[in-house]
Amino acid sequence: MSIKDRLNEDMKKAMKAREAGRARLSVIRLARGAIRNAEIDQGKELDDAGAIQVLSREIRQRRDAVEEYRRLGRHEAAKALEDEISVLMEYMPAQMTAEEVRAVVGEAIAQVGAVGPGDLGRVMGAVMPKLRGRADGRLVSETVRSLLQDMQRGE
């Protein structure tokens, strides 16, 4: 079942659940709307890979907002966004562990022949298509930076 089909089915279930599914219903509707807007912008129907990109962007925006809300002491708003993130994560592929990301990044570094932090862009360009939707971009970026700095120091 495609992501869009799952969203439609889950929206129907949440509508039937009434009050219990109200917050969930709101997040599902928002996700469907974001996917629909992306389809309109691109002028074509999105496949699962495209839907994953849209959902990844929505999750990233919420994670950034959570950090900001916590910094400002707005813990209730941060909690609400974390709840939204958990609903959106249900539609994402299984997330890779930090060790798995590290292994893929190590392979990409060897593949592009990177020698130090100056090769960050080349490594990110090689690794992101492999990890898109399966790992947080921030984790990937930090892992790449760390491994490249370790290479430069000779570790």
C-alpha atoms as a PDB file:
ATOM      1  CA  MET A   1       0.000   0.000   0.000  1.00  0.00           C
ATOM      2  CA  SER A   2       1.419   3.395  -0.952  1.00  0.00           C
ATOM      3  CA  ILE A   3       2.007   6.144   1.571  1.00  0.00           C
ATOM      4  CA  LYS A   4      -0.816   8.209   0.123  1.00  0.00           C
ATOM      5  CA  ASP A   5      -3.202   5.236   0.394  1.00  0.00           C
ATOM      6  CA  ARG A   6      -2.150   4.649   3.994  1.00  0.00           C
ATOM      7  CA  LEU A   7      -2.744   8.319   4.790  1.00  0.00           C
ATOM      8  CA  ASN A   8      -6.235   8.122   3.266  1.00  0.00           C
ATOM      9  CA  GLU A   9      -7.112   4.953   5.186  1.00  0.00           C
ATOM     10  CA  ASP A  10      -5.745   6.321   8.455  1.00  0.00           C
ATOM     11  CA  MET A  11      -7.645   9.576   7.921  1.00  0.00           C
ATOM     12  CA  LYS A  12     -10.898   7.618   7.605  1.00  0.00           C
ATOM     13  CA  LYS A  13     -10.101   5.686  10.794  1.00  0.00           C
ATOM     14  CA  ALA A  14      -9.277   8.895  12.662  1.00  0.00           C
ATOM     15  CA  MET A  15     -12.512  10.511  11.459  1.00  0.00           C
ATOM     16  CA  LYS A  16     -14.493   7.541  12.771  1.00  0.00           C
ATOM     17  CA  ALA A  17     -12.672   7.714  16.112  1.00  0.00           C
ATOM     18  CA  ARG A  18     -13.903  11.318  16.539  1.00  0.00           C
ATOM     19  CA  GLU A  19     -12.406  12.917  19.669  1.00  0.00           C
ATOM     20  CA  ALA A  20      -9.762  10.260  20.293  1.00  0.00           C
ATOM     21  CA  GLY A  21      -8.250  10.771  16.858  1.00  0.00           C
ATOM     22  CA  ARG A  22      -8.666  14.532  16.505  1.00  0.00           C
ATOM     23  CA  ALA A  23      -4.972  15.469  16.844  1.00  0.00           C
ATOM     24  CA  ARG A  24      -3.961  12.523  14.675  1.00  0.00           C
ATOM     25  CA  LEU A  25      -6.547  13.508  12.075  1.00  0.00           C
ATOM     26  CA  SER A  26      -5.160  17.031  11.948  1.00  0.00           C
ATOM     27  CA  VAL A  27      -1.608  15.778  11.332  1.00  0.00           C
ATOM     28  CA  ILE A  28      -2.749  13.320   8.667  1.00  0.00           C
ATOM     29  CA  ARG A  29      -4.704  16.037   6.871  1.00  0.00           C
ATOM     30  CA  LEU A  30      -1.699  18.316   7.024  1.00  0.00           C
ATOM     31  CA  ALA A  31       0.542  15.592   5.564  1.00  0.00           C
ATOM     32  CA  ARG A  32      -1.932  14.888   2.767  1.00  0.00           C
ATOM     33  CA  GLY A  33      -2.124  18.608   2.020  1.00  0.00           C
ATOM     34  CA  ALA A  34       1.650  18.956   1.912  1.00  0.00           C
ATOM     35  CA  ILE A  35       1.891  16.039  -0.514  1.00  0.00           C
ATOM     36  CA  ARG A  36      -0.924  17.474  -2.618  1.00  0.00           C
ATOM     37  CA  ASN A  37       0.782  20.888  -2.747  1.00  0.00           C
ATOM     38  CA  ALA A  38       4.036  19.259  -3.839  1.00  0.00           C
ATOM     39  CA  GLU A  39       2.156  17.422  -6.586  1.00  0.00           C
ATOM     40  CA  ILE A  40       0.619  20.677  -7.793  1.00  0.00           C
ATOM     41  CA  ASP A  41       3.996  22.442  -7.702  1.00  0.00           C
ATOM     42  CA  GLN A  42       5.676  19.649  -9.658  1.00  0.00           C
ATOM     43  CA  GLY A  43       2.751  19.091 -12.001  1.00  0.00           C
ATOM     44  CA  LYS A  44       2.735  15.346 -11.480  1.00  0.00           C
ATOM     45  CA  GLU A  45       1.587  12.736  -9.031  1.00  0.00           C
ATOM     46  CA  LEU A  46       4.212  11.798  -6.435  1.00  0.00           C
ATOM     47  CA  ASP A  47       5.342   8.227  -5.889  1.00  0.00           C
ATOM     48  CA  ASP A  48       6.369   6.955  -2.463  1.00  0.00           C
ATOM     49  CA  ALA A  49       9.878   8.407  -2.821  1.00  0.00           C
ATOM     50  CA  GLY A  50       8.416  11.851  -3.485  1.00  0.00           C
ATOM     51  CA  ALA A  51       5.969  11.506  -0.599  1.00  0.00           C
ATOM     52  CA  ILE A  52       8.844  10.524   1.687  1.00  0.00           C
ATOM     53  CA  GLN A  53      10.725  13.672   0.681  1.00  0.00           C
ATOM     54  CA  VAL A  54       7.688  15.805   1.522  1.00  0.00           C
ATOM     55  CA  LEU A  55       7.162  14.075   4.861  1.00  0.00           C
ATOM     56  CA  SER A  56      10.880  14.375   5.651  1.00  0.00           C
ATOM     57  CA  ARG A  57      10.663  18.115   5.069  1.00  0.00           C
ATOM     58  CA  GLU A  58       7.612  18.363   7.350  1.00  0.00           C
ATOM     59  CA  ILE A  59       9.405  16.395  10.085  1.00  0.00           C
ATOM     60  CA  ARG A  60      12.548  18.510   9.754  1.00  0.00           C
ATOM     61  CA  GLN A  61      10.526  21.728  10.056  1.00  0.00           C
ATOM     62  CA  ARG A  62       8.886  20.451  13.221  1.00  0.00           C
ATOM     63  CA  ARG A  63      12.179  19.319  14.732  1.00  0.00           C
ATOM     64  CA  ASP A  64      13.636  22.770  14.150  1.00  0.00           C
ATOM     65  CA  ALA A  65      10.567  24.357  15.735  1.00  0.00           C
ATOM     66  CA  VAL A  66      10.766  21.995  18.737  1.00  0.00           C
ATOM     67  CA  GLU A  67      14.314  23.159  19.434  1.00  0.00           C
ATOM     68  CA  GLU A  68      13.232  26.787  19.178  1.00  0.00           C
ATOM     69  CA  TYR A  69      10.202  26.279  21.438  1.00  0.00           C
ATOM     70  CA  ARG A  70      12.348  24.538  24.054  1.00  0.00           C
ATOM     71  CA  ARG A  71      14.869  27.368  23.916  1.00  0.00           C
ATOM     72  CA  LEU A  72      12.030  29.819  24.533  1.00  0.00           C
ATOM     73  CA  GLY A  73      10.591  27.744  27.384  1.00  0.00           C
ATOM     74  CA  ARG A  74       7.405  26.805  25.484  1.00  0.00           C
ATOM     75  CA  HIS A  75       7.445  23.162  26.500  1.00  0.00           C
ATOM     76  CA  GLU A  76       3.747  22.490  25.795  1.00  0.00           C
ATOM     77  CA  ALA A  77       4.104  23.660  22.199  1.00  0.00           C
ATOM     78  CA  ALA A  78       7.270  21.575  21.832  1.00  0.00           C
ATOM     79  CA  LYS A  79       5.436  18.507  23.164  1.00  0.00           C
ATOM     80  CA  ALA A  80       2.587  19.036  20.686  1.00  0.00           C
ATOM     81  CA  LEU A  81       5.065  19.179  17.810  1.00  0.00           C
ATOM     82  CA  GLU A  82       6.822  16.051  19.059  1.00  0.00           C
ATOM     83  CA  ASP A  83       3.457  14.283  18.993  1.00  0.00           C
ATOM     84  CA  GLU A  84       2.999  15.426  15.391  1.00  0.00           C
ATOM     85  CA  ILE A  85       6.466  14.136  14.528  1.00  0.00           C
ATOM     86  CA  SER A  86       5.631  10.723  15.980  1.00  0.00           C
ATOM     87  CA  VAL A  87       2.509  10.510  13.784  1.00  0.00           C
ATOM     88  CA  LEU A  88       4.469  11.517  10.673  1.00  0.00           C
ATOM     89  CA  MET A  89       7.239   9.025  11.460  1.00  0.00           C
ATOM     90  CA  GLU A  90       4.707   6.192  11.100  1.00  0.00           C
ATOM     91  CA  TYR A  91       4.715   6.838   7.350  1.00  0.00           C
ATOM     92  CA  MET A  92       8.482   6.947   6.988  1.00  0.00           C
ATOM     93  CA  PRO A  93      10.689   3.942   6.232  1.00  0.00           C
ATOM     94  CA  ALA A  94      12.451   2.348   9.187  1.00  0.00           C
ATOM     95  CA  GLN A  95      15.142   4.721  10.423  1.00  0.00           C
ATOM     96  CA  MET A  96      18.765   3.653  10.346  1.00  0.00           C
ATOM     97  CA  THR A  97      20.863   3.534  13.499  1.00  0.00           C
ATOM     98  CA  ALA A  98      23.887   5.782  13.936  1.00  0.00           C
ATOM     99  CA  GLU A  99      26.168   2.783  13.327  1.00  0.00           C
ATOM    100  CA  GLU A 100      24.419   1.949  10.045  1.00  0.00           C
ATOM    101  CA  VAL A 101      24.696   5.581   8.935  1.00  0.00           C
ATOM    102  CA  ARG A 102      28.372   5.570   9.863  1.00  0.00           C
ATOM    103  CA  ALA A 103      28.948   2.460   7.715  1.00  0.00           C
ATOM    104  CA  VAL A 104      27.203   3.973   4.675  1.00  0.00           C
ATOM    105  CA  VAL A 105      29.100   7.240   5.114  1.00  0.00           C
ATOM    106  CA  GLY A 106      32.387   5.325   5.366  1.00  0.00           C
ATOM    107  CA  GLU A 107      31.621   3.583   2.075  1.00  0.00           C
ATOM    108  CA  ALA A 108      30.752   6.911   0.423  1.00  0.00           C
ATOM    109  CA  ILE A 109      33.996   8.489   1.644  1.00  0.00           C
ATOM    110  CA  ALA A 110      35.969   5.646   0.100  1.00  0.00           C
ATOM    111  CA  GLN A 111      33.897   5.808  -3.086  1.00  0.00           C
ATOM    112  CA  VAL A 112      34.513   9.515  -3.735  1.00  0.00           C
ATOM    113  CA  GLY A 113      38.110   9.424  -2.486  1.00  0.00           C
ATOM    114  CA  ALA A 114      37.564  12.072   0.183  1.00  0.00           C
ATOM    115  CA  VAL A 115      40.609  13.136   2.185  1.00  0.00           C
ATOM    116  CA  GLY A 116      39.320  15.813   4.551  1.00  0.00           C
ATOM    117  CA  PRO A 117      36.622  18.295   5.519  1.00  0.00           C
ATOM    118  CA  GLY A 118      36.943  20.068   2.164  1.00  0.00           C
ATOM    119  CA  ASP A 119      35.254  17.061   0.558  1.00  0.00           C
ATOM    120  CA  LEU A 120      32.092  17.418   2.655  1.00  0.00           C
ATOM    121  CA  GLY A 121      29.908  18.414  -0.301  1.00  0.00           C
ATOM    122  CA  ARG A 122      31.065  15.531  -2.472  1.00  0.00           C
ATOM    123  CA  VAL A 123      30.469  12.994   0.282  1.00  0.00           C
ATOM    124  CA  MET A 124      27.042  14.427   1.157  1.00  0.00           C
ATOM    125  CA  GLY A 125      26.107  14.347  -2.523  1.00  0.00           C
ATOM    126  CA  ALA A 126      27.030  10.671  -2.706  1.00  0.00           C
ATOM    127  CA  VAL A 127      25.444   9.590   0.569  1.00  0.00           C
ATOM    128  CA  MET A 128      22.131  11.481   0.731  1.00  0.00           C
ATOM    129  CA  PRO A 129      20.416   9.656  -2.162  1.00  0.00           C
ATOM    130  CA  LYS A 130      21.167   6.384  -0.356  1.00  0.00           C
ATOM    131  CA  LEU A 131      19.870   7.561   3.009  1.00  0.00           C
ATOM    132  CA  ARG A 132      17.033   9.919   2.066  1.00  0.00           C
ATOM    133  CA  GLY A 133      14.048   9.235   4.276  1.00  0.00           C
ATOM    134  CA  ARG A 134      15.865   6.540   6.225  1.00  0.00           C
ATOM    135  CA  ALA A 135      18.122   8.776   8.322  1.00  0.00           C
ATOM    136  CA  ASP A 136      17.917  12.285   9.693  1.00  0.00           C
ATOM    137  CA  GLY A 137      19.916  14.684   7.525  1.00  0.00           C
ATOM    138  CA  ARG A 138      21.434  16.306  10.586  1.00  0.00           C
ATOM    139  CA  LEU A 139      22.750  12.943  11.816  1.00  0.00           C
ATOM    140  CA  VAL A 140      24.198  12.214   8.372  1.00  0.00           C
ATOM    141  CA  SER A 141      25.862  15.621   8.181  1.00  0.00           C
ATOM    142  CA  GLU A 142      27.364  15.298  11.660  1.00  0.00           C
ATOM    143  CA  THR A 143      28.629  11.796  10.857  1.00  0.00           C
ATOM    144  CA  VAL A 144      30.239  12.949   7.608  1.00  0.00           C
ATOM    145  CA  ARG A 145      31.894  15.912   9.339  1.00  0.00           C
ATOM    146  CA  SER A 146      33.157  13.712  12.150  1.00  0.00           C
ATOM    147  CA  LEU A 147      34.627  11.047   9.874  1.00  0.00           C
ATOM    148  CA  LEU A 148      36.259  13.601   7.585  1.00  0.00           C
ATOM    149  CA  GLN A 149      37.802  15.446  10.536  1.00  0.00           C
ATOM    150  CA  ASP A 150      39.074  12.135  11.914  1.00  0.00           C
ATOM    151  CA  MET A 151      40.670  11.421   8.532  1.00  0.00           C
ATOM    152  CA  GLN A 152      42.413  14.778   8.543  1.00  0.00           C
ATOM    153  CA  ARG A 153      43.793  14.168  12.040  1.00  0.00           C
ATOM    154  CA  GLY A 154      44.952  10.731  10.940  1.00  0.00           C
ATOM    155  CA  GLU A 155      42.746   8.724  13.281  1.00  0.00           C
END
